[in-house]
Amino acid sequence: MVHQFRFDRVLTVREREKKEAEDRYRESVESFEGIAQQLYLLLKKKERMIEDQTEKIQNGIAVQSLRHGQQFLTNIEKSIHYQQKLVMEARSTMQWHEQRVADRNIEVRKYEKIKDKDQQLFMAQQSELDNQLMNELSMIQFMKQRSR
């Protein structure tokens, strides 16, 4: 006799929800990494600009060129500030999705535990039924041998 788990459909739904949550988490991690990479590139660009400007100041530079460089640095800093906000939002989203994955994982484990206990109970009942059947068969066989 095959055992049918009573929460099989619920377990299937929970496993699908867990997989979807894992997929969304993976997407949020990729998004976070992309945004963080853009921030890193902006910071490197700013660092190179400062180094270039420092070198030009030591070698001599026109005031107009210096103002232009400062304006460019100001714009990069604004971009960096904006990108930092995006990174924080992406991190928050990623952490939220991570928590959802953990919650879904816990739910799936609960149902799997119920399924295991249910399976063990079923196997114990089957074993008991088998033992009873064997006892009845042995009694019948004993009675047949006795009547001969």
N, C-alpha and C. Protein backbone atom coordinates (compact mmCIF):
# COMPACT_ATOMS: atom_id res chain seq x y z
N MET A 1 0.83 -1.18 0.00
CA MET A 1 0.00 0.00 0.00
C MET A 1 0.88 1.25 0.00
N VAL A 2 0.55 2.19 -0.86
CA VAL A 2 1.33 3.41 -0.99
C VAL A 2 0.76 4.46 -0.06
N HIS A 3 1.65 5.14 0.61
CA HIS A 3 1.22 6.17 1.57
C HIS A 3 1.04 7.51 0.86
N GLN A 4 -0.08 8.15 1.07
CA GLN A 4 -0.35 9.48 0.50
C GLN A 4 -0.24 10.50 1.64
N PHE A 5 0.72 11.40 1.53
CA PHE A 5 0.91 12.44 2.55
C PHE A 5 -0.21 13.44 2.45
N ARG A 6 -0.84 13.75 3.58
CA ARG A 6 -2.04 14.59 3.57
C ARG A 6 -1.75 16.05 3.21
N PHE A 7 -0.51 16.50 3.42
CA PHE A 7 -0.16 17.88 3.09
C PHE A 7 0.73 17.96 1.86
N ASP A 8 0.61 17.00 0.99
CA ASP A 8 1.48 16.94 -0.19
C ASP A 8 1.34 18.18 -1.07
N ARG A 9 0.12 18.61 -1.30
CA ARG A 9 -0.10 19.80 -2.13
C ARG A 9 0.44 21.05 -1.46
N VAL A 10 0.24 21.15 -0.16
CA VAL A 10 0.74 22.31 0.58
C VAL A 10 2.26 22.34 0.52
N LEU A 11 2.87 21.17 0.70
CA LEU A 11 4.34 21.09 0.63
C LEU A 11 4.83 21.50 -0.75
N THR A 12 4.15 21.06 -1.78
CA THR A 12 4.54 21.42 -3.15
C THR A 12 4.45 22.94 -3.35
N VAL A 13 3.38 23.54 -2.86
CA VAL A 13 3.22 25.00 -2.98
C VAL A 13 4.32 25.71 -2.21
N ARG A 14 4.59 25.25 -1.00
CA ARG A 14 5.65 25.89 -0.18
C ARG A 14 7.02 25.75 -0.83
N GLU A 15 7.29 24.60 -1.43
CA GLU A 15 8.57 24.42 -2.11
C GLU A 15 8.68 25.36 -3.31
N ARG A 16 7.57 25.53 -4.03
CA ARG A 16 7.59 26.46 -5.17
C ARG A 16 7.80 27.90 -4.69
N GLU A 17 7.13 28.27 -3.60
CA GLU A 17 7.31 29.61 -3.03
C GLU A 17 8.75 29.82 -2.60
N LYS A 18 9.34 28.77 -2.02
CA LYS A 18 10.75 28.86 -1.59
C LYS A 18 11.66 29.08 -2.79
N LYS A 19 11.41 28.32 -3.86
CA LYS A 19 12.23 28.48 -5.06
C LYS A 19 12.08 29.87 -5.66
N GLU A 20 10.85 30.38 -5.70
CA GLU A 20 10.62 31.74 -6.21
C GLU A 20 11.33 32.77 -5.34
N ALA A 21 11.28 32.58 -4.02
CA ALA A 21 11.96 33.50 -3.11
C ALA A 21 13.47 33.44 -3.33
N GLU A 22 14.00 32.24 -3.55
CA GLU A 22 15.44 32.11 -3.82
C GLU A 22 15.81 32.80 -5.12
N ASP A 23 14.95 32.67 -6.14
CA ASP A 23 15.21 33.33 -7.42
C ASP A 23 15.21 34.85 -7.25
N ARG A 24 14.22 35.37 -6.53
CA ARG A 24 14.16 36.82 -6.30
C ARG A 24 15.36 37.30 -5.48
N TYR A 25 15.79 36.48 -4.51
CA TYR A 25 16.97 36.84 -3.72
C TYR A 25 18.20 36.89 -4.61
N ARG A 26 18.35 35.89 -5.47
CA ARG A 26 19.49 35.85 -6.39
C ARG A 26 19.49 37.09 -7.29
N GLU A 27 18.31 37.46 -7.78
CA GLU A 27 18.20 38.66 -8.62
C GLU A 27 18.58 39.91 -7.83
N SER A 28 18.14 39.98 -6.57
CA SER A 28 18.46 41.16 -5.76
C SER A 28 19.96 41.22 -5.46
N VAL A 29 20.60 40.07 -5.30
CA VAL A 29 22.05 40.05 -5.07
C VAL A 29 22.77 40.55 -6.33
N GLU A 30 22.32 40.08 -7.48
CA GLU A 30 22.94 40.54 -8.73
C GLU A 30 22.74 42.03 -8.92
N SER A 31 21.56 42.52 -8.61
CA SER A 31 21.28 43.95 -8.71
C SER A 31 22.18 44.74 -7.77
N PHE A 32 22.29 44.26 -6.53
CA PHE A 32 23.15 44.91 -5.55
C PHE A 32 24.59 44.95 -6.04
N GLU A 33 25.07 43.84 -6.56
CA GLU A 33 26.45 43.79 -7.04
C GLU A 33 26.67 44.76 -8.19
N GLY A 34 25.69 44.86 -9.08
CA GLY A 34 25.81 45.79 -10.21
C GLY A 34 25.87 47.24 -9.74
N ILE A 35 25.00 47.59 -8.82
CA ILE A 35 24.97 48.96 -8.31
C ILE A 35 26.23 49.26 -7.52
N ALA A 36 26.68 48.29 -6.72
CA ALA A 36 27.91 48.48 -5.95
C ALA A 36 29.12 48.62 -6.89
N GLN A 37 29.10 47.87 -7.97
CA GLN A 37 30.18 47.98 -8.96
C GLN A 37 30.21 49.38 -9.57
N GLN A 38 29.04 49.93 -9.87
CA GLN A 38 28.98 51.29 -10.43
C GLN A 38 29.53 52.31 -9.42
N LEU A 39 29.19 52.12 -8.14
CA LEU A 39 29.72 53.01 -7.10
C LEU A 39 31.24 52.90 -7.04
N TYR A 40 31.74 51.68 -7.10
CA TYR A 40 33.18 51.47 -7.07
C TYR A 40 33.87 52.18 -8.24
N LEU A 41 33.27 52.07 -9.43
CA LEU A 41 33.86 52.73 -10.61
C LEU A 41 33.86 54.25 -10.45
N LEU A 42 32.77 54.80 -9.88
CA LEU A 42 32.73 56.25 -9.64
C LEU A 42 33.81 56.67 -8.65
N LEU A 43 33.99 55.88 -7.59
CA LEU A 43 35.01 56.21 -6.59
C LEU A 43 36.41 56.14 -7.20
N LYS A 44 36.64 55.13 -8.05
CA LYS A 44 37.94 55.03 -8.72
C LYS A 44 38.15 56.23 -9.66
N LYS A 45 37.08 56.62 -10.35
CA LYS A 45 37.17 57.76 -11.26
C LYS A 45 37.51 59.03 -10.49
N LYS A 46 36.87 59.20 -9.34
CA LYS A 46 37.15 60.38 -8.51
C LYS A 46 38.60 60.35 -8.03
N GLU A 47 39.05 59.19 -7.60
CA GLU A 47 40.43 59.05 -7.12
C GLU A 47 41.43 59.41 -8.23
N ARG A 48 41.17 58.90 -9.45
CA ARG A 48 42.06 59.23 -10.58
C ARG A 48 42.03 60.72 -10.89
N MET A 49 40.85 61.33 -10.84
CA MET A 49 40.73 62.77 -11.10
C MET A 49 41.53 63.58 -10.08
N ILE A 50 41.43 63.19 -8.82
CA ILE A 50 42.16 63.91 -7.77
C ILE A 50 43.67 63.76 -7.99
N GLU A 51 44.10 62.54 -8.32
CA GLU A 51 45.52 62.32 -8.58
C GLU A 51 46.00 63.14 -9.78
N ASP A 52 45.21 63.14 -10.84
CA ASP A 52 45.56 63.91 -12.04
C ASP A 52 45.63 65.40 -11.73
N GLN A 53 44.64 65.89 -10.98
CA GLN A 53 44.61 67.31 -10.65
C GLN A 53 45.78 67.69 -9.75
N THR A 54 46.11 66.82 -8.81
CA THR A 54 47.25 67.09 -7.93
C THR A 54 48.54 67.16 -8.74
N GLU A 55 48.68 66.25 -9.66
CA GLU A 55 49.87 66.24 -10.53
C GLU A 55 49.92 67.50 -11.40
N LYS A 56 48.78 67.90 -11.96
CA LYS A 56 48.74 69.10 -12.80
C LYS A 56 49.03 70.35 -12.00
N ILE A 57 48.55 70.39 -10.74
CA ILE A 57 48.82 71.56 -9.89
C ILE A 57 50.31 71.67 -9.62
N GLN A 58 50.96 70.56 -9.39
CA GLN A 58 52.40 70.58 -9.14
C GLN A 58 53.18 70.99 -10.38
N ASN A 59 52.69 70.64 -11.55
CA ASN A 59 53.37 70.97 -12.80
C ASN A 59 52.91 72.31 -13.35
N GLY A 60 51.84 72.85 -12.81
CA GLY A 60 51.31 74.12 -13.28
C GLY A 60 50.10 73.88 -14.16
N ILE A 61 49.02 74.61 -13.88
CA ILE A 61 47.77 74.42 -14.61
C ILE A 61 47.07 75.76 -14.69
N ALA A 62 46.32 75.94 -15.74
CA ALA A 62 45.55 77.17 -15.90
C ALA A 62 44.39 77.17 -14.91
N VAL A 63 44.03 78.36 -14.44
CA VAL A 63 42.94 78.50 -13.48
C VAL A 63 41.64 77.97 -14.07
N GLN A 64 41.39 78.29 -15.33
CA GLN A 64 40.15 77.82 -15.97
C GLN A 64 40.09 76.29 -15.99
N SER A 65 41.21 75.65 -16.27
CA SER A 65 41.27 74.19 -16.29
C SER A 65 41.06 73.62 -14.88
N LEU A 66 41.60 74.31 -13.87
CA LEU A 66 41.43 73.90 -12.48
C LEU A 66 39.96 73.99 -12.08
N ARG A 67 39.29 75.10 -12.45
CA ARG A 67 37.85 75.25 -12.15
C ARG A 67 37.03 74.15 -12.84
N HIS A 68 37.40 73.89 -14.06
CA HIS A 68 36.69 72.85 -14.81
C HIS A 68 36.84 71.50 -14.09
N GLY A 69 38.04 71.20 -13.65
CA GLY A 69 38.31 69.95 -12.92
C GLY A 69 37.54 69.89 -11.62
N GLN A 70 37.49 71.03 -10.90
CA GLN A 70 36.74 71.07 -9.63
C GLN A 70 35.24 70.85 -9.87
N GLN A 71 34.73 71.44 -10.93
CA GLN A 71 33.31 71.26 -11.25
C GLN A 71 33.03 69.78 -11.59
N PHE A 72 33.96 69.20 -12.31
CA PHE A 72 33.82 67.79 -12.65
C PHE A 72 33.84 66.92 -11.40
N LEU A 73 34.73 67.23 -10.46
CA LEU A 73 34.80 66.50 -9.20
C LEU A 73 33.51 66.67 -8.40
N THR A 74 32.96 67.88 -8.39
CA THR A 74 31.70 68.12 -7.69
C THR A 74 30.58 67.26 -8.29
N ASN A 75 30.54 67.17 -9.60
CA ASN A 75 29.52 66.34 -10.26
C ASN A 75 29.71 64.86 -9.95
N ILE A 76 30.97 64.42 -9.90
CA ILE A 76 31.25 63.02 -9.56
C ILE A 76 30.82 62.75 -8.13
N GLU A 77 31.07 63.69 -7.22
CA GLU A 77 30.68 63.50 -5.83
C GLU A 77 29.16 63.41 -5.68
N LYS A 78 28.44 64.22 -6.47
CA LYS A 78 26.98 64.12 -6.46
C LYS A 78 26.53 62.75 -6.96
N SER A 79 27.18 62.28 -8.00
CA SER A 79 26.86 60.95 -8.54
C SER A 79 27.17 59.86 -7.51
N ILE A 80 28.29 60.03 -6.81
CA ILE A 80 28.67 59.07 -5.78
C ILE A 80 27.63 59.06 -4.66
N HIS A 81 27.20 60.22 -4.24
CA HIS A 81 26.20 60.32 -3.18
C HIS A 81 24.90 59.62 -3.60
N TYR A 82 24.47 59.89 -4.83
CA TYR A 82 23.26 59.25 -5.36
C TYR A 82 23.44 57.74 -5.43
N GLN A 83 24.60 57.31 -5.91
CA GLN A 83 24.87 55.88 -6.05
C GLN A 83 24.92 55.20 -4.68
N GLN A 84 25.41 55.90 -3.66
CA GLN A 84 25.43 55.34 -2.31
C GLN A 84 24.01 55.09 -1.80
N LYS A 85 23.10 56.00 -2.12
CA LYS A 85 21.70 55.79 -1.74
C LYS A 85 21.14 54.55 -2.43
N LEU A 86 21.47 54.41 -3.72
CA LEU A 86 21.00 53.24 -4.45
C LEU A 86 21.57 51.95 -3.86
N VAL A 87 22.83 51.99 -3.46
CA VAL A 87 23.46 50.82 -2.86
C VAL A 87 22.76 50.45 -1.55
N MET A 88 22.45 51.45 -0.73
CA MET A 88 21.76 51.18 0.53
C MET A 88 20.37 50.58 0.28
N GLU A 89 19.65 51.11 -0.69
CA GLU A 89 18.33 50.57 -1.03
C GLU A 89 18.44 49.14 -1.54
N ALA A 90 19.42 48.91 -2.41
CA ALA A 90 19.61 47.56 -2.96
C ALA A 90 20.00 46.58 -1.86
N ARG A 91 20.83 47.02 -0.92
CA ARG A 91 21.23 46.17 0.21
C ARG A 91 20.01 45.83 1.06
N SER A 92 19.18 46.83 1.31
CA SER A 92 17.97 46.62 2.10
C SER A 92 17.04 45.62 1.40
N THR A 93 16.86 45.79 0.12
CA THR A 93 16.02 44.87 -0.65
C THR A 93 16.59 43.46 -0.61
N MET A 94 17.89 43.36 -0.78
CA MET A 94 18.56 42.06 -0.77
C MET A 94 18.37 41.38 0.59
N GLN A 95 18.52 42.13 1.68
CA GLN A 95 18.36 41.57 3.01
C GLN A 95 16.90 41.14 3.25
N TRP A 96 15.95 41.92 2.72
CA TRP A 96 14.55 41.55 2.86
C TRP A 96 14.27 40.23 2.14
N HIS A 97 14.80 40.09 0.92
CA HIS A 97 14.61 38.85 0.17
C HIS A 97 15.31 37.68 0.87
N GLU A 98 16.44 37.96 1.47
CA GLU A 98 17.16 36.92 2.20
C GLU A 98 16.32 36.41 3.37
N GLN A 99 15.66 37.33 4.07
CA GLN A 99 14.79 36.94 5.18
C GLN A 99 13.61 36.12 4.69
N ARG A 100 13.06 36.51 3.53
CA ARG A 100 11.94 35.74 2.95
C ARG A 100 12.38 34.32 2.62
N VAL A 101 13.58 34.18 2.07
CA VAL A 101 14.10 32.84 1.77
C VAL A 101 14.22 32.03 3.05
N ALA A 102 14.74 32.64 4.09
CA ALA A 102 14.88 31.93 5.37
C ALA A 102 13.51 31.51 5.91
N ASP A 103 12.53 32.41 5.84
CA ASP A 103 11.18 32.09 6.31
C ASP A 103 10.57 30.94 5.51
N ARG A 104 10.70 31.01 4.20
CA ARG A 104 10.15 29.95 3.33
C ARG A 104 10.86 28.62 3.60
N ASN A 105 12.14 28.68 3.84
CA ASN A 105 12.91 27.48 4.12
C ASN A 105 12.42 26.82 5.42
N ILE A 106 12.14 27.64 6.42
CA ILE A 106 11.62 27.12 7.69
C ILE A 106 10.27 26.44 7.48
N GLU A 107 9.40 27.07 6.70
CA GLU A 107 8.09 26.49 6.43
C GLU A 107 8.22 25.15 5.72
N VAL A 108 9.08 25.08 4.73
CA VAL A 108 9.26 23.83 3.99
C VAL A 108 9.78 22.75 4.93
N ARG A 109 10.74 23.11 5.77
CA ARG A 109 11.29 22.13 6.71
C ARG A 109 10.22 21.62 7.68
N LYS A 110 9.30 22.50 8.11
CA LYS A 110 8.21 22.08 9.00
C LYS A 110 7.37 21.01 8.33
N TYR A 111 6.98 21.27 7.08
CA TYR A 111 6.15 20.31 6.37
C TYR A 111 6.91 19.02 6.07
N GLU A 112 8.20 19.13 5.79
CA GLU A 112 8.99 17.93 5.56
C GLU A 112 9.10 17.10 6.83
N LYS A 113 9.21 17.78 7.97
CA LYS A 113 9.27 17.08 9.25
C LYS A 113 7.95 16.36 9.52
N ILE A 114 6.84 17.06 9.24
CA ILE A 114 5.53 16.44 9.40
C ILE A 114 5.41 15.23 8.48
N LYS A 115 5.90 15.37 7.26
CA LYS A 115 5.84 14.28 6.29
C LYS A 115 6.65 13.08 6.78
N ASP A 116 7.85 13.34 7.31
CA ASP A 116 8.69 12.25 7.83
C ASP A 116 8.01 11.53 8.99
N LYS A 117 7.44 12.30 9.91
CA LYS A 117 6.75 11.68 11.05
C LYS A 117 5.54 10.88 10.59
N ASP A 118 4.82 11.45 9.62
CA ASP A 118 3.65 10.77 9.07
C ASP A 118 4.08 9.47 8.38
N GLN A 119 5.17 9.52 7.66
CA GLN A 119 5.70 8.32 6.98
C GLN A 119 6.12 7.27 8.00
N GLN A 120 6.76 7.70 9.07
CA GLN A 120 7.17 6.75 10.11
C GLN A 120 5.96 6.11 10.78
N LEU A 121 4.95 6.91 11.04
CA LEU A 121 3.72 6.38 11.63
C LEU A 121 3.07 5.38 10.68
N PHE A 122 3.01 5.72 9.42
CA PHE A 122 2.45 4.82 8.42
C PHE A 122 3.21 3.51 8.38
N MET A 123 4.54 3.60 8.37
CA MET A 123 5.37 2.38 8.33
C MET A 123 5.15 1.54 9.58
N ALA A 124 5.02 2.18 10.73
CA ALA A 124 4.76 1.44 11.98
C ALA A 124 3.40 0.75 11.91
N GLN A 125 2.40 1.44 11.39
CA GLN A 125 1.08 0.84 11.25
C GLN A 125 1.11 -0.32 10.26
N GLN A 126 1.83 -0.14 9.17
CA GLN A 126 1.95 -1.22 8.18
C GLN A 126 2.65 -2.43 8.79
N SER A 127 3.68 -2.16 9.57
CA SER A 127 4.41 -3.25 10.23
C SER A 127 3.49 -3.99 11.20
N GLU A 128 2.70 -3.23 11.94
CA GLU A 128 1.74 -3.84 12.89
C GLU A 128 0.71 -4.69 12.14
N LEU A 129 0.20 -4.16 11.03
CA LEU A 129 -0.76 -4.92 10.22
C LEU A 129 -0.12 -6.19 9.66
N ASP A 130 1.11 -6.07 9.20
CA ASP A 130 1.83 -7.23 8.69
C ASP A 130 2.01 -8.29 9.78
N ASN A 131 2.35 -7.82 10.98
CA ASN A 131 2.52 -8.75 12.10
C ASN A 131 1.21 -9.45 12.44
N GLN A 132 0.12 -8.70 12.44
CA GLN A 132 -1.18 -9.29 12.72
C GLN A 132 -1.54 -10.32 11.65
N LEU A 133 -1.30 -9.98 10.41
CA LEU A 133 -1.58 -10.90 9.31
C LEU A 133 -0.75 -12.17 9.42
N MET A 134 0.52 -11.99 9.75
CA MET A 134 1.40 -13.15 9.91
C MET A 134 0.92 -14.02 11.08
N ASN A 135 0.49 -13.41 12.17
CA ASN A 135 -0.04 -14.16 13.31
C ASN A 135 -1.28 -14.95 12.90
N GLU A 136 -2.17 -14.30 12.17
CA GLU A 136 -3.38 -14.98 11.72
C GLU A 136 -3.04 -16.14 10.79
N LEU A 137 -2.12 -15.90 9.88
CA LEU A 137 -1.72 -16.97 8.97
C LEU A 137 -1.08 -18.14 9.71
N SER A 138 -0.23 -17.83 10.65
CA SER A 138 0.42 -18.91 11.41
C SER A 138 -0.60 -19.66 12.26
N MET A 139 -1.61 -18.94 12.77
CA MET A 139 -2.67 -19.60 13.54
C MET A 139 -3.47 -20.53 12.64
N ILE A 140 -3.81 -20.04 11.46
CA ILE A 140 -4.56 -20.86 10.51
C ILE A 140 -3.76 -22.08 10.13
N GLN A 141 -2.47 -21.88 9.87
CA GLN A 141 -1.61 -23.01 9.48
C GLN A 141 -1.49 -24.01 10.62
N PHE A 142 -1.34 -23.48 11.84
CA PHE A 142 -1.24 -24.35 13.01
C PHE A 142 -2.53 -25.16 13.18
N MET A 143 -3.67 -24.49 12.99
CA MET A 143 -4.95 -25.17 13.14
C MET A 143 -5.13 -26.24 12.07
N LYS A 144 -4.67 -25.98 10.85
CA LYS A 144 -4.76 -26.96 9.78
C LYS A 144 -3.91 -28.18 10.09
N GLN A 145 -2.71 -27.92 10.60
CA GLN A 145 -1.81 -29.04 10.93
C GLN A 145 -2.38 -29.84 12.10
N ARG A 146 -3.01 -29.21 12.99
CA ARG A 146 -3.56 -29.86 14.16
C ARG A 146 -4.76 -30.73 13.80
N SER A 147 -5.53 -30.25 12.85
CA SER A 147 -6.72 -30.99 12.47
C SER A 147 -6.39 -32.24 11.63
N ARG A 148 -5.23 -32.34 11.12
CA ARG A 148 -4.84 -33.49 10.32
C ARG A 148 -4.59 -34.69 11.12
